[in-house]
Amino acid sequence: MTRSGLHKNISQNRINYLGSLWLSANPRSVSYKNLCLILAKPKTQRYNRRELSPACVFSQQINRMLEVSEKQRPVYLNLAQFHFPPMAIVSICHRISGVLLFLFLPLMLYILHQAVHSADSFAALTLCLQNGFMKFLVWVMLSAIWFHVVAGIRHLIMDLGIGESLNVARASSYAVFVIVAVLMIIMGVWLW
């Protein structure tokens, strides 16, 4: 396919993009292959003065569509202004807790290794865990574990088809937050 005619300055990608735009607006009018052939018609083909070439009609329609789409397109999306439903927040936090578990994996393995290696390493580990920063890291790690477990159980129950309605899903997401908050408080009291 050549790039001659009215659209000689339009690249093949632009032709494909415009063609897909026009076909999405007019799905029954012309096939995609014929549309690309119309766009690539040589300039030598003459049209009556009264009738516009198909490529001219097409380009006028595309220009109108682009003007409308540019007016409707949002300029800036401020994510802080979105109000996510609690179900989305639980899902996002479930993923974040999974990432935290992955990042805390070396610490978990180190603690496990020190605990089972020998009596001396266990004593050194208990001394190390008396540090406030280490207690905080263990608390964050345990909080991520519990959030991931509780939210995962909620997702598994919903995968079984239980609680998929909007009201039940909203209530179960609030229940996840309450249960995890209680567990975090209990772990904080237990560690300190």
N, C-alpha and C. Protein backbone atom coordinates (compact mmCIF):
# COMPACT_ATOMS: atom_id res chain seq x y z
N MET A 1 0.85 -1.18 0.00
CA MET A 1 0.00 0.00 0.00
C MET A 1 0.90 1.25 0.00
N THR A 2 0.63 2.18 -0.90
CA THR A 2 1.46 3.37 -1.00
C THR A 2 0.85 4.51 -0.20
N ARG A 3 1.70 5.52 0.04
CA ARG A 3 1.23 6.68 0.79
C ARG A 3 1.09 7.87 -0.15
N SER A 4 0.30 7.71 -1.17
CA SER A 4 0.13 8.82 -2.11
C SER A 4 -1.27 9.38 -1.96
N GLY A 5 -1.58 10.37 -2.77
CA GLY A 5 -2.91 10.95 -2.73
C GLY A 5 -3.01 12.03 -1.67
N LEU A 6 -4.23 12.19 -1.15
CA LEU A 6 -4.49 13.25 -0.18
C LEU A 6 -3.72 13.06 1.11
N HIS A 7 -3.40 11.82 1.44
CA HIS A 7 -2.79 11.55 2.74
C HIS A 7 -1.33 11.12 2.60
N LYS A 8 -0.58 11.78 1.72
CA LYS A 8 0.79 11.35 1.51
C LYS A 8 1.66 11.65 2.74
N ASN A 9 1.28 12.60 3.57
CA ASN A 9 2.09 12.92 4.74
C ASN A 9 1.68 12.10 5.96
N ILE A 10 0.67 11.26 5.81
CA ILE A 10 0.22 10.45 6.93
C ILE A 10 0.92 9.09 6.86
N SER A 11 1.52 8.69 7.93
CA SER A 11 2.22 7.41 7.94
C SER A 11 1.22 6.26 7.97
N GLN A 12 1.72 5.06 7.76
CA GLN A 12 0.85 3.89 7.75
C GLN A 12 0.19 3.68 9.11
N ASN A 13 0.90 3.96 10.19
CA ASN A 13 0.30 3.83 11.52
C ASN A 13 -0.85 4.80 11.71
N ARG A 14 -0.69 6.01 11.20
CA ARG A 14 -1.75 7.00 11.31
C ARG A 14 -2.98 6.55 10.51
N ILE A 15 -2.74 5.97 9.34
CA ILE A 15 -3.85 5.47 8.54
C ILE A 15 -4.57 4.37 9.29
N ASN A 16 -3.80 3.45 9.88
CA ASN A 16 -4.43 2.37 10.64
C ASN A 16 -5.23 2.92 11.82
N TYR A 17 -4.65 3.92 12.51
CA TYR A 17 -5.34 4.50 13.67
C TYR A 17 -6.63 5.19 13.24
N LEU A 18 -6.54 6.01 12.19
CA LEU A 18 -7.73 6.72 11.73
C LEU A 18 -8.77 5.74 11.21
N GLY A 19 -8.32 4.71 10.52
CA GLY A 19 -9.25 3.71 10.01
C GLY A 19 -9.97 2.99 11.13
N SER A 20 -9.26 2.65 12.18
CA SER A 20 -9.92 1.97 13.30
C SER A 20 -10.88 2.91 14.01
N LEU A 21 -10.53 4.21 14.11
CA LEU A 21 -11.45 5.17 14.70
C LEU A 21 -12.73 5.29 13.88
N TRP A 22 -12.56 5.40 12.55
CA TRP A 22 -13.72 5.57 11.70
C TRP A 22 -14.60 4.33 11.70
N LEU A 23 -13.98 3.15 11.71
CA LEU A 23 -14.76 1.92 11.71
C LEU A 23 -15.48 1.71 13.03
N SER A 24 -14.87 2.17 14.13
CA SER A 24 -15.58 2.03 15.41
C SER A 24 -16.80 2.95 15.45
N ALA A 25 -16.75 4.08 14.75
CA ALA A 25 -17.90 4.98 14.72
C ALA A 25 -18.92 4.53 13.67
N ASN A 26 -18.44 3.94 12.57
CA ASN A 26 -19.33 3.50 11.48
C ASN A 26 -19.04 2.03 11.15
N PRO A 27 -19.46 1.09 11.96
CA PRO A 27 -19.03 -0.30 11.76
C PRO A 27 -19.57 -0.96 10.50
N ARG A 28 -20.71 -0.52 9.96
CA ARG A 28 -21.31 -1.20 8.82
C ARG A 28 -21.02 -0.51 7.49
N SER A 29 -20.27 0.58 7.51
CA SER A 29 -20.16 1.37 6.31
C SER A 29 -19.20 0.78 5.28
N VAL A 30 -18.04 0.40 5.69
CA VAL A 30 -17.03 -0.07 4.74
C VAL A 30 -16.06 -0.98 5.50
N SER A 31 -15.45 -1.92 4.81
CA SER A 31 -14.51 -2.81 5.49
C SER A 31 -13.19 -2.08 5.73
N TYR A 32 -12.42 -2.59 6.65
CA TYR A 32 -11.15 -1.95 7.00
C TYR A 32 -10.18 -1.97 5.82
N LYS A 33 -10.16 -3.07 5.08
CA LYS A 33 -9.26 -3.17 3.93
C LYS A 33 -9.63 -2.13 2.87
N ASN A 34 -10.93 -2.01 2.57
CA ASN A 34 -11.36 -1.02 1.58
C ASN A 34 -11.08 0.40 2.06
N LEU A 35 -11.20 0.62 3.36
CA LEU A 35 -10.93 1.94 3.90
C LEU A 35 -9.48 2.32 3.71
N CYS A 36 -8.57 1.39 3.96
CA CYS A 36 -7.14 1.68 3.75
C CYS A 36 -6.84 1.90 2.28
N LEU A 37 -7.53 1.19 1.40
CA LEU A 37 -7.34 1.42 -0.03
C LEU A 37 -7.85 2.80 -0.43
N ILE A 38 -8.97 3.25 0.15
CA ILE A 38 -9.50 4.58 -0.13
C ILE A 38 -8.49 5.64 0.29
N LEU A 39 -7.88 5.43 1.48
CA LEU A 39 -6.92 6.41 1.97
C LEU A 39 -5.67 6.47 1.10
N ALA A 40 -5.31 5.34 0.52
CA ALA A 40 -4.06 5.27 -0.24
C ALA A 40 -4.26 5.47 -1.73
N LYS A 41 -5.43 5.94 -2.17
CA LYS A 41 -5.68 6.14 -3.61
C LYS A 41 -4.72 7.19 -4.16
N PRO A 42 -4.25 6.95 -5.35
CA PRO A 42 -3.34 7.95 -5.94
C PRO A 42 -4.06 9.24 -6.28
N LYS A 43 -3.28 10.29 -6.37
CA LYS A 43 -3.83 11.62 -6.63
C LYS A 43 -4.35 11.74 -8.07
N THR A 44 -3.91 10.84 -8.91
CA THR A 44 -4.28 10.94 -10.33
C THR A 44 -5.75 10.65 -10.56
N GLN A 45 -6.40 9.94 -9.67
CA GLN A 45 -7.82 9.65 -9.86
C GLN A 45 -8.63 10.93 -9.65
N ARG A 46 -9.48 11.26 -10.61
CA ARG A 46 -10.24 12.50 -10.57
C ARG A 46 -11.64 12.23 -10.03
N TYR A 47 -12.16 13.22 -9.31
CA TYR A 47 -13.53 13.17 -8.82
C TYR A 47 -14.27 14.39 -9.35
N ASN A 48 -15.57 14.28 -9.51
CA ASN A 48 -16.41 15.39 -9.91
C ASN A 48 -16.26 16.53 -8.92
N ARG A 49 -16.50 17.74 -9.36
CA ARG A 49 -16.45 18.86 -8.42
C ARG A 49 -17.55 18.75 -7.38
N ARG A 50 -18.68 18.20 -7.79
CA ARG A 50 -19.82 18.12 -6.88
C ARG A 50 -19.65 17.03 -5.83
N GLU A 51 -18.90 15.99 -6.18
CA GLU A 51 -18.74 14.91 -5.20
C GLU A 51 -17.33 14.97 -4.61
N LEU A 52 -17.25 14.77 -3.32
CA LEU A 52 -15.95 14.73 -2.66
C LEU A 52 -15.39 13.33 -2.75
N SER A 53 -14.09 13.24 -2.78
CA SER A 53 -13.49 11.91 -2.79
C SER A 53 -13.77 11.23 -1.45
N PRO A 54 -13.81 9.89 -1.44
CA PRO A 54 -14.04 9.18 -0.18
C PRO A 54 -13.00 9.53 0.89
N ALA A 55 -11.79 9.78 0.43
CA ALA A 55 -10.75 10.13 1.40
C ALA A 55 -11.02 11.48 2.04
N CYS A 56 -11.56 12.46 1.24
CA CYS A 56 -11.90 13.77 1.81
C CYS A 56 -13.03 13.65 2.82
N VAL A 57 -14.05 12.88 2.45
CA VAL A 57 -15.17 12.68 3.37
C VAL A 57 -14.67 12.02 4.64
N PHE A 58 -13.82 11.03 4.47
CA PHE A 58 -13.27 10.31 5.61
C PHE A 58 -12.46 11.25 6.51
N SER A 59 -11.60 12.07 5.90
CA SER A 59 -10.76 12.95 6.71
C SER A 59 -11.61 14.00 7.44
N GLN A 60 -12.69 14.46 6.80
CA GLN A 60 -13.58 15.41 7.49
C GLN A 60 -14.26 14.75 8.68
N GLN A 61 -14.71 13.51 8.50
CA GLN A 61 -15.33 12.81 9.61
C GLN A 61 -14.34 12.55 10.74
N ILE A 62 -13.13 12.20 10.38
CA ILE A 62 -12.11 11.94 11.40
C ILE A 62 -11.77 13.22 12.15
N ASN A 63 -11.66 14.32 11.44
CA ASN A 63 -11.36 15.59 12.11
C ASN A 63 -12.46 15.95 13.11
N ARG A 64 -13.73 15.73 12.71
CA ARG A 64 -14.82 16.00 13.65
C ARG A 64 -14.74 15.08 14.85
N MET A 65 -14.43 13.80 14.63
CA MET A 65 -14.34 12.86 15.74
C MET A 65 -13.19 13.23 16.68
N LEU A 66 -12.06 13.65 16.11
CA LEU A 66 -10.92 14.01 16.95
C LEU A 66 -11.22 15.26 17.77
N GLU A 67 -11.93 16.23 17.17
CA GLU A 67 -12.31 17.42 17.92
C GLU A 67 -13.20 17.07 19.10
N VAL A 68 -14.16 16.18 18.88
CA VAL A 68 -15.06 15.76 19.96
C VAL A 68 -14.29 15.00 21.02
N SER A 69 -13.40 14.08 20.59
CA SER A 69 -12.67 13.28 21.57
C SER A 69 -11.69 14.13 22.38
N GLU A 70 -11.11 15.17 21.76
CA GLU A 70 -10.20 16.04 22.50
C GLU A 70 -10.96 16.88 23.53
N LYS A 71 -12.20 17.25 23.22
CA LYS A 71 -12.99 18.03 24.17
C LYS A 71 -13.42 17.17 25.35
N GLN A 72 -13.67 15.88 25.13
CA GLN A 72 -14.17 15.00 26.17
C GLN A 72 -13.05 14.35 26.98
N ARG A 73 -11.84 14.37 26.51
CA ARG A 73 -10.74 13.69 27.18
C ARG A 73 -10.32 14.47 28.43
N PRO A 74 -10.18 13.78 29.58
CA PRO A 74 -9.76 14.49 30.79
C PRO A 74 -8.30 14.92 30.68
N VAL A 75 -8.02 16.09 31.21
CA VAL A 75 -6.69 16.65 31.12
C VAL A 75 -5.79 16.09 32.22
N TYR A 76 -6.31 16.00 33.43
CA TYR A 76 -5.50 15.59 34.57
C TYR A 76 -6.36 14.75 35.51
N LEU A 77 -5.86 13.59 35.88
CA LEU A 77 -6.58 12.74 36.82
C LEU A 77 -5.87 12.80 38.16
N ASN A 78 -6.51 13.37 39.13
CA ASN A 78 -5.95 13.44 40.48
C ASN A 78 -6.47 12.24 41.27
N LEU A 79 -5.60 11.28 41.53
CA LEU A 79 -6.02 10.05 42.19
C LEU A 79 -6.43 10.29 43.64
N ALA A 80 -5.99 11.40 44.22
CA ALA A 80 -6.39 11.69 45.60
C ALA A 80 -7.85 12.11 45.69
N GLN A 81 -8.43 12.52 44.56
CA GLN A 81 -9.82 12.95 44.57
C GLN A 81 -10.80 11.81 44.31
N PHE A 82 -10.29 10.65 43.89
CA PHE A 82 -11.17 9.51 43.67
C PHE A 82 -11.63 8.95 45.01
N HIS A 83 -12.86 8.52 45.08
CA HIS A 83 -13.40 7.87 46.27
C HIS A 83 -13.60 6.40 45.95
N PHE A 84 -12.59 5.60 46.35
CA PHE A 84 -12.65 4.18 46.07
C PHE A 84 -13.61 3.50 47.03
N PRO A 85 -14.35 2.51 46.56
CA PRO A 85 -15.21 1.76 47.47
C PRO A 85 -14.35 0.88 48.37
N PRO A 86 -14.89 0.46 49.52
CA PRO A 86 -14.07 -0.34 50.45
C PRO A 86 -13.61 -1.67 49.85
N MET A 87 -14.37 -2.21 48.91
CA MET A 87 -13.94 -3.46 48.26
C MET A 87 -12.65 -3.25 47.48
N ALA A 88 -12.53 -2.12 46.81
CA ALA A 88 -11.31 -1.83 46.05
C ALA A 88 -10.13 -1.59 46.99
N ILE A 89 -10.39 -0.93 48.11
CA ILE A 89 -9.32 -0.65 49.07
C ILE A 89 -8.80 -1.95 49.67
N VAL A 90 -9.72 -2.89 49.98
CA VAL A 90 -9.28 -4.19 50.51
C VAL A 90 -8.45 -4.92 49.47
N SER A 91 -8.88 -4.89 48.22
CA SER A 91 -8.14 -5.57 47.16
C SER A 91 -6.75 -4.97 46.97
N ILE A 92 -6.66 -3.64 46.97
CA ILE A 92 -5.36 -2.98 46.82
C ILE A 92 -4.47 -3.28 48.01
N CYS A 93 -5.02 -3.21 49.22
CA CYS A 93 -4.22 -3.51 50.42
C CYS A 93 -3.80 -4.98 50.46
N HIS A 94 -4.63 -5.87 49.92
CA HIS A 94 -4.26 -7.28 49.85
C HIS A 94 -3.03 -7.46 48.97
N ARG A 95 -2.98 -6.75 47.87
CA ARG A 95 -1.80 -6.82 47.00
C ARG A 95 -0.58 -6.20 47.66
N ILE A 96 -0.78 -5.08 48.33
CA ILE A 96 0.34 -4.42 49.01
C ILE A 96 0.89 -5.33 50.11
N SER A 97 0.00 -6.00 50.85
CA SER A 97 0.47 -6.90 51.90
C SER A 97 1.23 -8.08 51.30
N GLY A 98 0.83 -8.54 50.12
CA GLY A 98 1.59 -9.59 49.45
C GLY A 98 2.98 -9.13 49.07
N VAL A 99 3.10 -7.89 48.60
CA VAL A 99 4.43 -7.35 48.27
C VAL A 99 5.26 -7.21 49.54
N LEU A 100 4.64 -6.75 50.63
CA LEU A 100 5.37 -6.64 51.90
C LEU A 100 5.85 -8.00 52.39
N LEU A 101 5.03 -9.03 52.23
CA LEU A 101 5.44 -10.37 52.63
C LEU A 101 6.64 -10.83 51.81
N PHE A 102 6.64 -10.52 50.54
CA PHE A 102 7.78 -10.87 49.70
C PHE A 102 9.04 -10.12 50.16
N LEU A 103 8.88 -8.83 50.49
CA LEU A 103 10.04 -8.05 50.92
C LEU A 103 10.55 -8.48 52.30
N PHE A 104 9.64 -8.96 53.18
CA PHE A 104 10.04 -9.41 54.50
C PHE A 104 10.50 -10.86 54.53
N LEU A 105 10.49 -11.54 53.39
CA LEU A 105 10.89 -12.94 53.34
C LEU A 105 12.32 -13.17 53.85
N PRO A 106 13.31 -12.34 53.49
CA PRO A 106 14.65 -12.56 54.05
C PRO A 106 14.68 -12.43 55.57
N LEU A 107 13.93 -11.47 56.13
CA LEU A 107 13.89 -11.32 57.59
C LEU A 107 13.25 -12.55 58.24
N MET A 108 12.17 -13.04 57.63
CA MET A 108 11.52 -14.24 58.18
C MET A 108 12.46 -15.44 58.15
N LEU A 109 13.17 -15.61 57.05
CA LEU A 109 14.10 -16.74 56.94
C LEU A 109 15.27 -16.59 57.92
N TYR A 110 15.74 -15.35 58.11
CA TYR A 110 16.82 -15.13 59.07
C TYR A 110 16.35 -15.46 60.50
N ILE A 111 15.16 -15.02 60.85
CA ILE A 111 14.63 -15.30 62.19
C ILE A 111 14.45 -16.81 62.37
N LEU A 112 13.92 -17.48 61.36
CA LEU A 112 13.75 -18.93 61.45
C LEU A 112 15.10 -19.64 61.57
N HIS A 113 16.07 -19.21 60.79
CA HIS A 113 17.40 -19.83 60.86
C HIS A 113 18.03 -19.63 62.22
N GLN A 114 17.96 -18.43 62.76
CA GLN A 114 18.55 -18.16 64.06
C GLN A 114 17.83 -18.91 65.18
N ALA A 115 16.53 -19.13 65.02
CA ALA A 115 15.75 -19.79 66.07
C ALA A 115 16.05 -21.28 66.14
N VAL A 116 16.35 -21.92 65.04
CA VAL A 116 16.55 -23.37 65.05
C VAL A 116 18.01 -23.80 64.91
N HIS A 117 18.92 -22.86 64.74
CA HIS A 117 20.32 -23.22 64.51
C HIS A 117 20.96 -23.81 65.76
N SER A 118 20.92 -23.08 66.84
CA SER A 118 21.50 -23.57 68.09
C SER A 118 20.90 -22.78 69.25
N ALA A 119 21.22 -23.21 70.47
CA ALA A 119 20.72 -22.52 71.65
C ALA A 119 21.33 -21.13 71.76
N ASP A 120 22.61 -21.01 71.40
CA ASP A 120 23.27 -19.69 71.46
C ASP A 120 22.67 -18.71 70.45
N SER A 121 22.39 -19.20 69.23
CA SER A 121 21.81 -18.30 68.22
C SER A 121 20.37 -17.91 68.61
N PHE A 122 19.67 -18.83 69.30
CA PHE A 122 18.33 -18.48 69.77
C PHE A 122 18.40 -17.40 70.85
N ALA A 123 19.37 -17.51 71.73
CA ALA A 123 19.54 -16.49 72.78
C ALA A 123 19.90 -15.14 72.15
N ALA A 124 20.76 -15.17 71.12
CA ALA A 124 21.14 -13.93 70.43
C ALA A 124 19.93 -13.34 69.70
N LEU A 125 19.09 -14.20 69.17
CA LEU A 125 17.89 -13.73 68.48
C LEU A 125 16.91 -13.07 69.44
N THR A 126 16.70 -13.67 70.61
CA THR A 126 15.78 -13.06 71.58
C THR A 126 16.34 -11.72 72.06
N LEU A 127 17.66 -11.62 72.19
CA LEU A 127 18.26 -10.34 72.57
C LEU A 127 18.08 -9.30 71.46
N CYS A 128 18.23 -9.75 70.20
CA CYS A 128 18.07 -8.84 69.05
C CYS A 128 16.62 -8.37 68.94
N LEU A 129 15.67 -9.26 69.23
CA LEU A 129 14.27 -8.90 69.10
C LEU A 129 13.77 -8.00 70.23
N GLN A 130 14.59 -7.73 71.24
CA GLN A 130 14.22 -6.78 72.30
C GLN A 130 14.38 -5.33 71.84
N ASN A 131 15.09 -5.14 70.73
CA ASN A 131 15.28 -3.81 70.15
C ASN A 131 13.93 -3.29 69.64
N GLY A 132 13.66 -2.01 69.86
CA GLY A 132 12.37 -1.42 69.45
C GLY A 132 12.15 -1.44 67.95
N PHE A 133 13.22 -1.19 67.16
CA PHE A 133 13.09 -1.19 65.71
C PHE A 133 12.77 -2.59 65.19
N MET A 134 13.42 -3.61 65.78
CA MET A 134 13.15 -4.98 65.36
C MET A 134 11.72 -5.38 65.74
N LYS A 135 11.27 -4.92 66.92
CA LYS A 135 9.89 -5.21 67.31
C LYS A 135 8.91 -4.59 66.31
N PHE A 136 9.21 -3.37 65.88
CA PHE A 136 8.36 -2.71 64.90
C PHE A 136 8.34 -3.48 63.58
N LEU A 137 9.52 -3.93 63.10
CA LEU A 137 9.58 -4.69 61.86
C LEU A 137 8.80 -5.99 61.97
N VAL A 138 8.92 -6.67 63.11
CA VAL A 138 8.17 -7.92 63.30
C VAL A 138 6.67 -7.63 63.35
N TRP A 139 6.29 -6.51 63.99
CA TRP A 139 4.88 -6.15 64.06
C TRP A 139 4.32 -5.86 62.66
N VAL A 140 5.07 -5.13 61.83
CA VAL A 140 4.63 -4.85 60.46
C VAL A 140 4.53 -6.15 59.67
N MET A 141 5.52 -7.04 59.86
CA MET A 141 5.51 -8.31 59.14
C MET A 141 4.30 -9.15 59.54
N LEU A 142 4.03 -9.24 60.84
CA LEU A 142 2.88 -10.02 61.30
C LEU A 142 1.55 -9.37 60.88
N SER A 143 1.51 -8.05 60.86
CA SER A 143 0.30 -7.36 60.39
C SER A 143 0.05 -7.65 58.91
N ALA A 144 1.11 -7.65 58.11
CA ALA A 144 0.96 -7.96 56.69
C ALA A 144 0.50 -9.41 56.50
N ILE A 145 1.04 -10.31 57.33
CA ILE A 145 0.62 -11.72 57.23
C ILE A 145 -0.86 -11.85 57.55
N TRP A 146 -1.29 -11.24 58.65
CA TRP A 146 -2.70 -11.38 59.04
C TRP A 146 -3.64 -10.70 58.05
N PHE A 147 -3.25 -9.54 57.54
CA PHE A 147 -4.11 -8.88 56.55
C PHE A 147 -4.22 -9.74 55.31
N HIS A 148 -3.09 -10.30 54.86
CA HIS A 148 -3.10 -11.13 53.67
C HIS A 148 -3.96 -12.38 53.88
N VAL A 149 -3.88 -12.97 55.07
CA VAL A 149 -4.67 -14.17 55.36
C VAL A 149 -6.17 -13.84 55.40
N VAL A 150 -6.53 -12.80 56.14
CA VAL A 150 -7.96 -12.47 56.30
C VAL A 150 -8.56 -12.02 54.97
N ALA A 151 -7.87 -11.15 54.24
CA ALA A 151 -8.38 -10.71 52.93
C ALA A 151 -8.39 -11.86 51.94
N GLY A 152 -7.41 -12.75 52.03
CA GLY A 152 -7.38 -13.92 51.15
C GLY A 152 -8.55 -14.85 51.41
N ILE A 153 -8.91 -15.05 52.68
CA ILE A 153 -10.08 -15.86 53.01
C ILE A 153 -11.35 -15.22 52.44
N ARG A 154 -11.44 -13.90 52.56
CA ARG A 154 -12.60 -13.18 51.99
C ARG A 154 -12.67 -13.40 50.48
N HIS A 155 -11.53 -13.29 49.79
CA HIS A 155 -11.52 -13.49 48.34
C HIS A 155 -11.89 -14.93 47.99
N LEU A 156 -11.40 -15.90 48.76
CA LEU A 156 -11.74 -17.30 48.47
C LEU A 156 -13.23 -17.55 48.66
N ILE A 157 -13.81 -16.97 49.70
CA ILE A 157 -15.25 -17.14 49.93
C ILE A 157 -16.04 -16.51 48.79
N MET A 158 -15.59 -15.35 48.32
CA MET A 158 -16.28 -14.71 47.19
C MET A 158 -16.10 -15.51 45.90
N ASP A 159 -14.95 -16.20 45.76
CA ASP A 159 -14.75 -17.06 44.58
C ASP A 159 -15.71 -18.24 44.58
N LEU A 160 -16.16 -18.64 45.75
CA LEU A 160 -17.14 -19.72 45.84
C LEU A 160 -18.55 -19.23 45.50
N GLY A 161 -18.72 -17.94 45.32
CA GLY A 161 -20.01 -17.38 44.95
C GLY A 161 -20.80 -16.88 46.14
N ILE A 162 -20.18 -16.85 47.31
CA ILE A 162 -20.87 -16.38 48.52
C ILE A 162 -20.50 -14.92 48.75
N GLY A 163 -21.49 -14.09 48.94
CA GLY A 163 -21.25 -12.69 49.27
C GLY A 163 -20.82 -11.84 48.10
N GLU A 164 -21.34 -12.12 46.92
CA GLU A 164 -20.96 -11.33 45.76
C GLU A 164 -21.83 -10.10 45.54
N SER A 165 -22.92 -9.98 46.27
CA SER A 165 -23.76 -8.80 46.11
C SER A 165 -23.05 -7.59 46.69
N LEU A 166 -23.48 -6.43 46.27
CA LEU A 166 -22.79 -5.20 46.65
C LEU A 166 -22.80 -4.97 48.16
N ASN A 167 -23.94 -5.14 48.80
CA ASN A 167 -24.05 -4.88 50.23
C ASN A 167 -23.22 -5.86 51.06
N VAL A 168 -23.25 -7.13 50.68
CA VAL A 168 -22.48 -8.14 51.42
C VAL A 168 -20.98 -7.94 51.19
N ALA A 169 -20.59 -7.61 49.97
CA ALA A 169 -19.17 -7.36 49.69
C ALA A 169 -18.66 -6.15 50.46
N ARG A 170 -19.50 -5.11 50.55
CA ARG A 170 -19.11 -3.92 51.33
C ARG A 170 -18.98 -4.27 52.81
N ALA A 171 -19.93 -5.03 53.34
CA ALA A 171 -19.88 -5.41 54.76
C ALA A 171 -18.68 -6.32 55.04
N SER A 172 -18.38 -7.24 54.12
CA SER A 172 -17.24 -8.13 54.35
C SER A 172 -15.91 -7.37 54.27
N SER A 173 -15.85 -6.34 53.44
CA SER A 173 -14.60 -5.55 53.39
C SER A 173 -14.42 -4.75 54.67
N TYR A 174 -15.52 -4.20 55.21
CA TYR A 174 -15.40 -3.52 56.51
C TYR A 174 -15.02 -4.52 57.59
N ALA A 175 -15.56 -5.74 57.52
CA ALA A 175 -15.23 -6.77 58.50
C ALA A 175 -13.74 -7.13 58.44
N VAL A 176 -13.18 -7.16 57.24
CA VAL A 176 -11.74 -7.43 57.11
C VAL A 176 -10.94 -6.36 57.82
N PHE A 177 -11.29 -5.10 57.63
CA PHE A 177 -10.56 -4.01 58.28
C PHE A 177 -10.68 -4.10 59.81
N VAL A 178 -11.87 -4.41 60.30
CA VAL A 178 -12.07 -4.49 61.76
C VAL A 178 -11.29 -5.66 62.33
N ILE A 179 -11.37 -6.82 61.70
CA ILE A 179 -10.66 -8.00 62.21
C ILE A 179 -9.15 -7.77 62.20
N VAL A 180 -8.63 -7.21 61.13
CA VAL A 180 -7.19 -6.96 61.04
C VAL A 180 -6.76 -5.90 62.06
N ALA A 181 -7.58 -4.87 62.28
CA ALA A 181 -7.24 -3.85 63.28
C ALA A 181 -7.16 -4.47 64.67
N VAL A 182 -8.11 -5.35 65.00
CA VAL A 182 -8.08 -6.02 66.30
C VAL A 182 -6.84 -6.90 66.42
N LEU A 183 -6.52 -7.65 65.36
CA LEU A 183 -5.33 -8.50 65.38
C LEU A 183 -4.05 -7.69 65.49
N MET A 184 -4.00 -6.53 64.84
CA MET A 184 -2.81 -5.69 64.94
C MET A 184 -2.63 -5.16 66.35
N ILE A 185 -3.72 -4.77 67.00
CA ILE A 185 -3.64 -4.30 68.39
C ILE A 185 -3.18 -5.43 69.30
N ILE A 186 -3.73 -6.62 69.10
CA ILE A 186 -3.33 -7.76 69.94
C ILE A 186 -1.86 -8.09 69.74
N MET A 187 -1.37 -8.06 68.50
CA MET A 187 0.06 -8.34 68.25
C MET A 187 0.95 -7.25 68.83
N GLY A 188 0.49 -5.98 68.75
CA GLY A 188 1.27 -4.90 69.35
C GLY A 188 1.40 -5.05 70.85
N VAL A 189 0.30 -5.43 71.52
CA VAL A 189 0.34 -5.64 72.97
C VAL A 189 1.24 -6.84 73.29
N TRP A 190 1.14 -7.90 72.50
CA TRP A 190 1.93 -9.10 72.74
C TRP A 190 3.44 -8.83 72.55
N LEU A 191 3.80 -8.02 71.53
CA LEU A 191 5.22 -7.76 71.28
C LEU A 191 5.81 -6.77 72.29
N TRP A 192 5.04 -5.79 72.72
CA TRP A 192 5.59 -4.79 73.64
C TRP A 192 5.07 -5.10 75.02
